[in-house]
Amino acid sequence: DLGDFYRIPADTRDLNYEKYFEEGTYDLSKYVDYRSDNTTILNVEQTKEKLLSLDYIQKELEDFKNGGTKPIASEGF
């Protein structure tokens, strides 16, 4: 018993990171990162169109039209 103190055991894990560079999956390097410079950036109208194509959004709007709760962003729709 250490009274009001905690005993934290030493971290004895292997810190040799070489195995992650020399072993493992090489296929990961084939993928291109998702970044703003390699994807299509939508304008406001395209974003609305994309959102309105989602079933979830359509159901929420239908619920709102039938007297349900107000959608989070109903302005402009």
C-alpha atoms as a PDB file:
ATOM      1  CA  ASP A   1       0.000   0.000   0.000  1.00  0.00           C
ATOM      2  CA  LEU A   2       1.405   3.371  -1.043  1.00  0.00           C
ATOM      3  CA  GLY A   3      -1.167   5.426   0.844  1.00  0.00           C
ATOM      4  CA  ASP A   4      -2.358   8.407  -1.204  1.00  0.00           C
ATOM      5  CA  PHE A   5      -0.069   7.575  -4.119  1.00  0.00           C
ATOM      6  CA  TYR A   6      -0.411   5.331  -7.158  1.00  0.00           C
ATOM      7  CA  ARG A   7       2.306   3.082  -8.464  1.00  0.00           C
ATOM      8  CA  ILE A   8       2.586   3.201 -12.231  1.00  0.00           C
ATOM      9  CA  PRO A   9       4.638   0.334 -13.640  1.00  0.00           C
ATOM     10  CA  ALA A  10       7.360   1.098 -16.186  1.00  0.00           C
ATOM     11  CA  ASP A  11       6.464   0.829 -19.865  1.00  0.00           C
ATOM     12  CA  THR A  12       8.600  -2.069 -21.044  1.00  0.00           C
ATOM     13  CA  ARG A  13       7.145  -2.356 -24.534  1.00  0.00           C
ATOM     14  CA  ASP A  14       9.503  -2.713 -27.470  1.00  0.00           C
ATOM     15  CA  LEU A  15      10.040   0.718 -29.010  1.00  0.00           C
ATOM     16  CA  ASN A  16      11.691  -0.715 -32.098  1.00  0.00           C
ATOM     17  CA  TYR A  17       9.612   0.819 -34.877  1.00  0.00           C
ATOM     18  CA  GLU A  18      11.689  -0.789 -37.622  1.00  0.00           C
ATOM     19  CA  LYS A  19       9.266  -3.695 -37.867  1.00  0.00           C
ATOM     20  CA  TYR A  20       6.573  -1.252 -39.004  1.00  0.00           C
ATOM     21  CA  PHE A  21       8.746  -0.019 -41.838  1.00  0.00           C
ATOM     22  CA  GLU A  22      10.276  -3.325 -42.900  1.00  0.00           C
ATOM     23  CA  GLU A  23       7.294  -5.591 -42.263  1.00  0.00           C
ATOM     24  CA  GLY A  24       3.586  -5.135 -42.651  1.00  0.00           C
ATOM     25  CA  THR A  25       1.317  -4.201 -45.517  1.00  0.00           C
ATOM     26  CA  TYR A  26       2.951  -2.507 -48.460  1.00  0.00           C
ATOM     27  CA  ASP A  27      -0.397  -2.052 -50.216  1.00  0.00           C
ATOM     28  CA  LEU A  28      -1.135   0.982 -48.058  1.00  0.00           C
ATOM     29  CA  SER A  29       1.349   3.061 -50.034  1.00  0.00           C
ATOM     30  CA  LYS A  30      -0.717   2.466 -53.194  1.00  0.00           C
ATOM     31  CA  TYR A  31      -3.629   4.521 -51.884  1.00  0.00           C
ATOM     32  CA  VAL A  32      -3.876   8.259 -52.421  1.00  0.00           C
ATOM     33  CA  ASP A  33      -4.733  10.354 -49.382  1.00  0.00           C
ATOM     34  CA  TYR A  34      -8.064  12.181 -49.425  1.00  0.00           C
ATOM     35  CA  ARG A  35      -7.244  15.887 -49.536  1.00  0.00           C
ATOM     36  CA  SER A  36      -8.884  19.038 -50.814  1.00  0.00           C
ATOM     37  CA  ASP A  37      -6.395  19.263 -53.688  1.00  0.00           C
ATOM     38  CA  ASN A  38      -7.281  15.836 -55.117  1.00  0.00           C
ATOM     39  CA  THR A  39     -11.053  15.797 -54.819  1.00  0.00           C
ATOM     40  CA  THR A  40     -13.972  17.747 -56.209  1.00  0.00           C
ATOM     41  CA  ILE A  41     -14.890  20.730 -54.074  1.00  0.00           C
ATOM     42  CA  LEU A  42     -18.617  21.426 -54.250  1.00  0.00           C
ATOM     43  CA  ASN A  43     -20.176  24.858 -54.283  1.00  0.00           C
ATOM     44  CA  VAL A  44     -23.319  25.638 -52.271  1.00  0.00           C
ATOM     45  CA  GLU A  45     -25.761  24.499 -54.977  1.00  0.00           C
ATOM     46  CA  GLN A  46     -23.862  21.264 -55.591  1.00  0.00           C
ATOM     47  CA  THR A  47     -23.775  20.616 -51.845  1.00  0.00           C
ATOM     48  CA  LYS A  48     -27.552  21.126 -51.610  1.00  0.00           C
ATOM     49  CA  GLU A  49     -28.073  18.786 -54.559  1.00  0.00           C
ATOM     50  CA  LYS A  50     -25.846  16.137 -52.988  1.00  0.00           C
ATOM     51  CA  LEU A  51     -27.595  16.400 -49.607  1.00  0.00           C
ATOM     52  CA  LEU A  52     -31.045  16.273 -51.183  1.00  0.00           C
ATOM     53  CA  SER A  53     -30.075  13.042 -52.952  1.00  0.00           C
ATOM     54  CA  LEU A  54     -29.633  11.280 -49.590  1.00  0.00           C
ATOM     55  CA  ASP A  55     -32.486   9.107 -48.325  1.00  0.00           C
ATOM     56  CA  TYR A  56     -31.905  10.314 -44.767  1.00  0.00           C
ATOM     57  CA  ILE A  57     -32.373  13.952 -45.772  1.00  0.00           C
ATOM     58  CA  GLN A  58     -35.455  13.117 -47.852  1.00  0.00           C
ATOM     59  CA  LYS A  59     -37.029  11.317 -44.885  1.00  0.00           C
ATOM     60  CA  GLU A  60     -36.257  14.229 -42.547  1.00  0.00           C
ATOM     61  CA  LEU A  61     -37.780  16.741 -44.970  1.00  0.00           C
ATOM     62  CA  GLU A  62     -40.850  14.542 -45.473  1.00  0.00           C
ATOM     63  CA  ASP A  63     -41.255  14.280 -41.698  1.00  0.00           C
ATOM     64  CA  PHE A  64     -41.008  18.062 -41.431  1.00  0.00           C
ATOM     65  CA  LYS A  65     -43.631  18.563 -44.165  1.00  0.00           C
ATOM     66  CA  ASN A  66     -45.959  16.233 -42.248  1.00  0.00           C
ATOM     67  CA  GLY A  67     -45.718  18.268 -39.052  1.00  0.00           C
ATOM     68  CA  GLY A  68     -42.657  16.640 -37.534  1.00  0.00           C
ATOM     69  CA  THR A  69     -39.796  18.435 -35.904  1.00  0.00           C
ATOM     70  CA  LYS A  70     -37.947  21.180 -37.716  1.00  0.00           C
ATOM     71  CA  PRO A  71     -34.898  19.956 -39.664  1.00  0.00           C
ATOM     72  CA  ILE A  72     -31.571  21.294 -38.445  1.00  0.00           C
ATOM     73  CA  ALA A  73     -30.956  23.387 -41.577  1.00  0.00           C
ATOM     74  CA  SER A  74     -34.323  23.962 -43.209  1.00  0.00           C
ATOM     75  CA  GLU A  75     -33.600  27.458 -44.550  1.00  0.00           C
ATOM     76  CA  GLY A  76     -33.355  27.613 -48.316  1.00  0.00           C
ATOM     77  CA  PHE A  77     -34.755  24.151 -49.027  1.00  0.00           C
END
